Amino acid sequence: KHKYPEAINDCFQAYMWILVHCEEELGFKPEKIMLSGDSAGGSLILGLTLLIIAMNEFDGKKIKRPDLIIGLYPCCSLDKNSISLSGCTVSNDLFLSPRDTKYMRDAYRGYYKNELDPFLNQNKADENLLKHFPTTRFLTATFDGLRDEAVRFINKLSNINGIDVRS
C-alpha cells in the first residue's frame, strides 16, 4: 500500500525521534547507535544511513550517524535489471523464489523508475557517500538469494580507506 519512499521516510522519522526525544522520554542519551535489519530491513538501514550521510554532506545538516550497521541477509539492490548468480541458485526456494522477490520489489517500488537512487539501490551509491559509512557487518549464507548483492556492497565499502567492514 505504501510505496517507496514511505518506508525509508518512516525510518528517518523514527531515527530523528530517538535523537530528539530519547533522553526526555526514555531517560538516556543515545551516545552510540547501532542499526540492524534483515532482508528488506537491511535495505532500509543502509538506505537510512546513506540518507543521513547525504543530508549531512550536501545539505549541511548535523544529524548523528549510526555508529554500527549490522545487516542480516540484507537486500542491497532493488534494481529491476539486476540478475545475480545467488538469486538464480535459489530458484526452487519455497520461501523466497525469484518470482516472489520480483513481486515484492515491484510492490515496494511502485511506479518509481530511478535505478540509480542509492537510497533504494545501495549498490549504486558512490564513494562521496560511502566514504562516511560507519562500521559495517553483514551476515550472508551460501543459499541466500540476496548474497551476491550484499557481497558487492561489502566489496565497495572495503575498497574505501578507513571503512571497517566485514561479512
Protein backbone atom coordinates (compact mmCIF):
# COMPACT_ATOMS: atom_id res chain seq x y z
CA LYS A 1 0.00 0.00 0.00
CA HIS A 2 2.79 2.46 0.90
CA LYS A 3 5.32 2.64 -1.93
CA TYR A 4 8.88 3.91 -1.93
CA PRO A 5 10.00 6.21 -0.30
CA GLU A 6 7.40 5.88 2.50
CA ALA A 7 9.23 3.15 4.47
CA ILE A 8 12.57 4.95 4.46
CA ASN A 9 10.80 8.20 5.43
CA ASP A 10 9.19 6.36 8.37
CA CYS A 11 12.62 5.03 9.40
CA PHE A 12 14.06 8.54 9.22
CA GLN A 13 11.24 9.96 11.36
CA ALA A 14 11.74 7.22 13.97
CA TYR A 15 15.51 7.81 13.98
CA MET A 16 15.04 11.55 14.45
CA TRP A 17 12.54 10.93 17.27
CA ILE A 18 15.19 8.86 19.06
CA LEU A 19 17.79 11.59 18.66
CA VAL A 20 15.47 14.38 19.82
CA HIS A 21 13.25 12.71 22.45
CA CYS A 22 15.08 9.68 23.77
CA GLU A 23 16.69 11.36 26.76
CA GLU A 24 13.48 13.13 27.81
CA GLU A 25 11.08 10.22 27.17
CA LEU A 26 13.23 7.19 27.98
CA GLY A 27 15.83 8.62 30.35
CA PHE A 28 19.03 8.06 28.42
CA LYS A 29 21.03 9.81 25.73
CA PRO A 30 21.76 7.74 22.61
CA GLU A 31 25.55 8.16 22.50
CA LYS A 32 26.19 5.03 20.42
CA ILE A 33 23.63 3.91 17.86
CA MET A 34 23.52 0.54 16.15
CA LEU A 35 21.09 -0.16 13.33
CA SER A 36 20.29 -3.72 12.34
CA GLY A 37 17.90 -5.20 9.85
CA ASP A 38 17.39 -8.34 7.90
CA SER A 39 16.46 -8.69 4.24
CA ALA A 40 14.27 -5.66 3.39
CA GLY A 41 15.08 -4.26 6.84
CA GLY A 42 18.75 -4.45 5.85
CA SER A 43 17.98 -2.36 2.80
CA LEU A 44 16.16 0.18 4.96
CA ILE A 45 19.03 0.63 7.44
CA LEU A 46 21.52 1.01 4.59
CA GLY A 47 19.26 3.49 2.80
CA LEU A 48 18.63 5.39 6.05
CA THR A 49 22.36 5.61 6.76
CA LEU A 50 23.03 6.88 3.23
CA LEU A 51 20.20 9.42 3.60
CA ILE A 52 21.67 10.74 6.86
CA ILE A 53 25.12 10.97 5.29
CA ALA A 54 23.73 12.77 2.23
CA MET A 55 21.81 15.26 4.39
CA ASN A 56 24.94 15.98 6.42
CA GLU A 57 27.29 16.27 3.46
CA PHE A 58 25.12 18.01 0.89
CA ASP A 59 22.50 19.86 2.94
CA GLY A 60 24.76 20.94 5.80
CA LYS A 61 22.75 19.07 8.44
CA LYS A 62 24.39 17.76 11.62
CA ILE A 63 22.47 14.54 12.18
CA LYS A 64 24.30 11.93 14.23
CA ARG A 65 25.27 9.00 12.03
CA PRO A 66 24.80 5.46 13.32
CA ASP A 67 28.00 4.01 14.83
CA LEU A 68 27.44 0.44 13.67
CA ILE A 69 25.42 -1.23 10.92
CA ILE A 70 24.56 -4.92 11.10
CA GLY A 71 22.87 -6.34 8.01
CA LEU A 72 21.46 -9.86 8.17
CA TYR A 73 20.91 -11.19 4.67
CA PRO A 74 20.43 -7.58 3.51
CA CYS A 75 18.80 -6.66 0.25
CA CYS A 76 21.30 -4.17 -1.22
CA SER A 77 19.67 -3.64 -4.58
CA LEU A 78 16.11 -3.30 -5.77
CA ASP A 79 17.32 -2.79 -9.32
CA LYS A 80 14.81 -4.47 -11.60
CA ASN A 81 17.56 -5.19 -14.12
CA SER A 82 19.92 -6.86 -11.65
CA ILE A 83 20.43 -10.59 -12.03
CA SER A 84 22.79 -12.45 -9.75
CA LEU A 85 24.06 -16.00 -9.56
CA SER A 86 22.91 -16.31 -5.95
CA GLY A 87 19.43 -15.18 -6.99
CA CYS A 88 19.33 -17.83 -9.70
CA THR A 89 20.60 -20.65 -7.47
CA VAL A 90 17.60 -20.36 -5.18
CA SER A 91 15.08 -20.60 -8.00
CA ASN A 92 13.38 -23.56 -6.28
CA ASP A 93 13.29 -21.91 -2.86
CA LEU A 94 9.89 -22.46 -1.28
CA PHE A 95 10.17 -19.33 0.88
CA LEU A 96 11.68 -16.75 -1.46
CA SER A 97 11.70 -17.66 -5.14
CA PRO A 98 12.87 -15.20 -7.80
CA ARG A 99 9.21 -14.66 -8.72
CA ASP A 100 8.42 -13.78 -5.08
CA THR A 101 11.41 -11.44 -4.98
CA LYS A 102 10.28 -9.70 -8.17
CA TYR A 103 6.75 -9.33 -6.79
CA MET A 104 7.98 -7.79 -3.53
CA ARG A 105 10.46 -5.50 -5.30
CA ASP A 106 7.80 -4.27 -7.74
CA ALA A 107 5.23 -3.82 -4.95
CA TYR A 108 7.64 -1.68 -2.93
CA ARG A 109 8.99 0.36 -5.84
CA GLY A 110 5.61 1.02 -7.41
CA TYR A 111 6.00 3.29 -10.41
CA TYR A 112 9.33 4.69 -9.24
CA LYS A 113 11.85 4.08 -12.02
CA ASN A 114 15.15 5.66 -10.93
CA GLU A 115 17.56 2.70 -10.91
CA LEU A 116 20.42 4.95 -9.73
CA ASP A 117 18.77 6.05 -6.47
CA PRO A 118 21.29 4.99 -3.77
CA PHE A 119 18.63 5.02 -1.04
CA LEU A 120 16.78 2.29 -2.95
CA ASN A 121 19.73 0.59 -4.68
CA GLN A 122 22.57 0.85 -2.22
CA ASN A 123 24.99 -0.71 -4.70
CA LYS A 124 24.53 2.45 -6.80
CA ALA A 125 25.89 4.69 -4.01
CA ASP A 126 29.07 6.48 -4.97
CA GLU A 127 32.21 6.97 -2.92
CA ASN A 128 31.19 10.51 -1.85
CA LEU A 129 28.52 8.91 0.31
CA LEU A 130 30.19 5.61 1.14
CA LYS A 131 33.38 7.17 2.49
CA HIS A 132 31.35 8.37 5.51
CA PHE A 133 29.86 4.95 6.25
CA PRO A 134 30.11 3.61 9.82
CA THR A 135 31.49 0.26 10.92
CA THR A 136 29.54 -2.35 9.00
CA ARG A 137 28.96 -6.08 9.49
CA PHE A 138 26.96 -8.36 7.19
CA LEU A 139 25.79 -11.91 7.65
CA THR A 140 25.05 -13.84 4.48
CA ALA A 141 24.71 -17.52 3.63
CA THR A 142 25.55 -19.82 0.76
CA PHE A 143 21.93 -20.32 -0.22
CA ASP A 144 20.87 -16.72 0.22
CA GLY A 145 19.36 -15.28 -2.94
CA LEU A 146 20.48 -11.80 -1.84
CA ARG A 147 24.09 -12.84 -1.14
CA ASP A 148 25.76 -11.55 -4.32
CA GLU A 149 24.29 -8.07 -3.95
CA ALA A 150 25.38 -7.94 -0.28
CA VAL A 151 28.90 -9.08 -1.19
CA ARG A 152 29.02 -6.43 -3.92
CA PHE A 153 28.15 -3.73 -1.37
CA ILE A 154 30.72 -5.04 1.13
CA ASN A 155 33.36 -5.02 -1.62
CA LYS A 156 32.53 -1.40 -2.47
CA LEU A 157 32.95 -0.42 1.18
CA SER A 158 36.14 -2.48 1.50
CA ASN A 159 37.76 -0.50 -1.30
CA ILE A 160 37.41 2.75 0.63
CA ASN A 161 40.19 3.55 3.09
CA GLY A 162 39.10 3.89 6.69
CA ILE A 163 35.87 1.88 6.50
CA ASP A 164 35.71 -1.01 8.98
CA VAL A 165 33.66 -3.61 7.16
CA ARG A 166 33.36 -7.39 7.37
CA SER A 167 30.98 -10.08 6.29
